[in-house]
Amino acid sequence: MSMPPQKSPQSPVTCEQRVIISNEHGEKLVGLLHQTSSKKLVILCHGFRATKASPFQDDSILIDLVDAFTKEGISAFRFDFSGNGESEGEFQYGSYRKEAADLRSVVLYFSKQKYDIIALVGHSKGGNAVLLYASRYNDVPIIVNISGRFALERGIDGRLGKNFMQRINKDGYIDVKNKKGLAFRYLI
């Protein structure tokens, strides 16, 4: 007896839309809304030396999460914190308060658009940002911290390299390489 042919599941995503939201400093935060037929929304936050990610970047965990949520019919939004990726502003090391404020701007924007924000999900440094957000505002029911930073022994020297301040003062920027050797330039 043969089995009937299986239909491949269709993704309930109806569109992917670029969204620009102003933070409290007037800087533009750039993100991608993966809209399904549902107004339930999960907001995703990237980690240190990362961005909202594209499938071609080193860190595609946010892409994988978007795929998982949208397959379940839940809309998802991923964005760049200020000073990262396509968003305006200056990159700052250890800017948790500003990232929580950026996240507040995003939550308020989508709340005004009548979305039901069901969760905030942060990866690495973004995980710490969602925890700080939750401790301040307590208005999103689910907070997920994926591999949040906890062991900070390496500190700034370990992350940005020895003599990073001399390079910043001399050149006005530093280049930082990720695990695969791709360089990202941070203007200070």
Protein backbone atom coordinates (compact mmCIF):
# COMPACT_ATOMS: atom_id res chain seq x y z
CA MET A 1 0.00 0.00 0.00
CA SER A 2 1.51 3.33 -0.97
CA MET A 3 1.20 6.48 1.03
CA PRO A 4 -0.53 9.49 -0.51
CA PRO A 5 1.88 12.22 -1.59
CA GLN A 6 2.70 14.66 1.19
CA LYS A 7 2.15 18.33 0.60
CA SER A 8 5.14 20.43 1.51
CA PRO A 9 4.27 22.85 4.30
CA GLN A 10 3.80 26.40 3.18
CA SER A 11 5.36 29.13 5.24
CA PRO A 12 2.64 31.45 6.56
CA VAL A 13 4.87 34.49 5.90
CA THR A 14 2.96 36.95 3.80
CA CYS A 15 5.72 39.52 3.46
CA GLU A 16 9.11 40.74 4.61
CA GLN A 17 9.21 44.48 5.15
CA ARG A 18 12.05 46.85 6.00
CA VAL A 19 11.03 49.00 8.97
CA ILE A 20 12.80 52.10 10.29
CA ILE A 21 12.07 53.21 13.86
CA SER A 22 13.48 56.29 15.62
CA ASN A 23 14.96 55.77 19.08
CA GLU A 24 14.81 58.34 21.87
CA HIS A 25 17.95 60.04 20.47
CA GLY A 26 16.42 60.49 17.01
CA GLU A 27 18.65 57.78 15.51
CA LYS A 28 17.11 55.47 12.94
CA LEU A 29 16.97 51.79 13.90
CA VAL A 30 16.74 49.54 10.84
CA GLY A 31 14.98 46.19 10.98
CA LEU A 32 13.10 43.55 9.03
CA LEU A 33 9.53 42.58 9.85
CA HIS A 34 8.60 39.05 8.84
CA GLN A 35 4.83 39.41 8.78
CA THR A 36 2.53 36.41 8.97
CA SER A 37 -1.25 36.51 9.09
CA SER A 38 -0.97 36.86 12.89
CA LYS A 39 -0.49 40.04 14.91
CA LYS A 40 1.51 38.02 17.48
CA LEU A 41 5.08 39.27 17.32
CA VAL A 42 8.46 38.17 18.65
CA ILE A 43 11.27 40.75 18.68
CA LEU A 44 14.80 39.39 18.16
CA CYS A 45 17.98 41.08 19.42
CA HIS A 46 21.51 40.40 18.13
CA GLY A 47 24.72 40.04 20.08
CA PHE A 48 28.05 41.85 20.24
CA ARG A 49 29.84 42.34 16.91
CA ALA A 50 26.72 41.05 15.14
CA THR A 51 23.73 42.56 13.37
CA LYS A 52 20.16 41.63 12.60
CA ALA A 53 21.98 39.21 10.30
CA SER A 54 21.50 38.09 6.78
CA PRO A 55 21.84 34.49 5.67
CA PHE A 56 25.27 35.38 4.28
CA GLN A 57 26.74 36.62 7.55
CA ASP A 58 28.67 34.62 10.10
CA ASP A 59 25.92 34.69 12.72
CA SER A 60 22.63 33.53 11.22
CA ILE A 61 20.95 32.44 14.47
CA LEU A 62 18.37 35.21 14.10
CA ILE A 63 17.52 33.99 10.59
CA ASP A 64 17.00 30.48 11.95
CA LEU A 65 14.76 31.81 14.73
CA VAL A 66 12.71 33.88 12.27
CA ASP A 67 12.19 30.77 10.17
CA ALA A 68 11.04 28.76 13.19
CA PHE A 69 8.60 31.44 14.39
CA THR A 70 7.09 32.17 11.00
CA LYS A 71 6.57 28.46 10.32
CA GLU A 72 4.43 28.50 13.47
CA GLY A 73 2.47 31.49 12.15
CA ILE A 74 4.11 34.03 14.49
CA SER A 75 5.44 37.29 13.05
CA ALA A 76 9.03 38.24 13.90
CA PHE A 77 11.07 41.44 13.87
CA ARG A 78 14.87 41.61 13.89
CA PHE A 79 16.74 44.89 14.00
CA ASP A 80 20.16 46.46 14.44
CA PHE A 81 20.82 48.26 17.73
CA SER A 82 22.02 51.85 17.27
CA GLY A 83 25.63 52.00 16.11
CA ASN A 84 25.40 48.49 14.62
CA GLY A 85 24.67 47.23 11.13
CA GLU A 86 22.46 49.60 9.16
CA SER A 87 21.20 51.59 12.16
CA GLU A 88 22.39 55.11 12.88
CA GLY A 89 24.50 56.10 15.85
CA GLU A 90 27.95 55.32 17.12
CA PHE A 91 29.02 51.87 18.22
CA GLN A 92 29.57 51.73 21.96
CA TYR A 93 31.15 48.92 23.93
CA GLY A 94 29.01 47.87 26.92
CA SER A 95 25.98 49.93 25.90
CA TYR A 96 23.33 47.79 27.62
CA ARG A 97 21.24 50.75 28.82
CA LYS A 98 21.14 52.27 25.35
CA GLU A 99 20.27 48.91 23.80
CA ALA A 100 17.43 48.45 26.31
CA ALA A 101 16.24 51.95 25.38
CA ASP A 102 16.46 51.05 21.66
CA LEU A 103 14.41 47.95 22.40
CA ARG A 104 11.86 50.12 24.25
CA SER A 105 11.48 52.26 21.12
CA VAL A 106 10.85 49.11 19.07
CA VAL A 107 8.30 47.72 21.55
CA LEU A 108 6.42 51.03 21.69
CA TYR A 109 6.40 51.30 17.88
CA PHE A 110 4.88 47.85 17.38
CA SER A 111 2.45 48.30 20.27
CA LYS A 112 1.12 51.42 18.52
CA GLN A 113 0.76 49.31 15.37
CA LYS A 114 -1.55 46.98 17.37
CA TYR A 115 0.85 44.02 17.52
CA ASP A 116 0.67 41.61 20.46
CA ILE A 117 4.33 41.38 21.49
CA ILE A 118 4.53 37.91 22.99
CA ALA A 119 8.29 37.58 23.48
CA LEU A 120 11.68 39.24 23.38
CA VAL A 121 14.53 36.95 22.35
CA GLY A 122 18.15 38.00 22.68
CA HIS A 123 21.29 36.19 21.64
CA SER A 124 24.59 36.71 23.46
CA LYS A 125 24.85 40.42 24.38
CA GLY A 126 21.29 40.83 23.07
CA GLY A 127 20.25 38.32 25.74
CA ASN A 128 21.53 40.67 28.40
CA ALA A 129 19.72 43.59 26.75
CA VAL A 130 16.37 41.77 26.90
CA LEU A 131 16.94 40.94 30.58
CA LEU A 132 17.68 44.58 31.39
CA TYR A 133 14.61 45.62 29.39
CA ALA A 134 12.42 43.16 31.30
CA SER A 135 13.72 44.39 34.66
CA ARG A 136 12.82 47.97 33.75
CA TYR A 137 9.50 47.66 31.93
CA ASN A 138 7.88 44.28 32.69
CA ASP A 139 5.46 44.61 29.75
CA VAL A 140 6.36 41.58 27.61
CA PRO A 141 5.31 38.18 28.98
CA ILE A 142 8.18 36.01 27.68
CA ILE A 143 11.89 36.88 27.83
CA VAL A 144 14.41 34.48 26.26
CA ASN A 145 18.14 34.85 26.85
CA ILE A 146 20.12 32.63 24.47
CA SER A 147 23.77 32.26 25.47
CA GLY A 148 23.78 35.56 27.33
CA ARG A 149 27.18 36.86 28.31
CA PHE A 150 28.19 35.92 31.83
CA ALA A 151 31.94 35.22 31.96
CA LEU A 152 33.57 38.53 31.22
CA GLU A 153 37.15 37.68 32.27
CA ARG A 154 38.53 38.50 28.83
CA GLY A 155 37.16 41.99 29.10
CA ILE A 156 37.52 44.71 26.53
CA ASP A 157 41.21 43.95 25.77
CA GLY A 158 40.31 40.38 24.87
CA ARG A 159 37.48 41.45 22.61
CA LEU A 160 39.00 44.48 20.90
CA GLY A 161 42.70 43.65 21.10
CA LYS A 162 45.65 45.03 22.96
CA ASN A 163 46.30 48.76 22.68
CA PHE A 164 42.83 49.34 21.24
CA MET A 165 42.63 52.85 22.72
CA GLN A 166 45.89 53.90 21.03
CA ARG A 167 44.50 52.66 17.68
CA ILE A 168 41.22 54.48 18.27
CA ASN A 169 42.97 57.72 19.19
CA LYS A 170 45.27 57.45 16.18
CA ASP A 171 42.83 56.28 13.50
CA GLY A 172 39.37 57.11 14.90
CA TYR A 173 38.23 53.50 14.44
CA ILE A 174 39.17 49.91 15.09
CA ASP A 175 38.77 46.82 12.94
CA VAL A 176 37.60 43.73 14.80
CA LYS A 177 37.60 40.24 13.28
CA ASN A 178 34.96 37.63 13.95
CA LYS A 179 35.65 33.91 14.43
CA LYS A 180 35.85 33.35 10.68
CA GLY A 181 38.34 36.17 10.17
CA LEU A 182 35.86 38.64 8.62
CA ALA A 183 36.68 42.20 9.69
CA PHE A 184 34.11 44.71 10.88
CA ARG A 185 35.00 48.39 11.28
CA TYR A 186 33.74 50.21 14.33
CA LEU A 187 33.91 53.97 14.26
CA ILE A 188 34.36 55.42 17.69
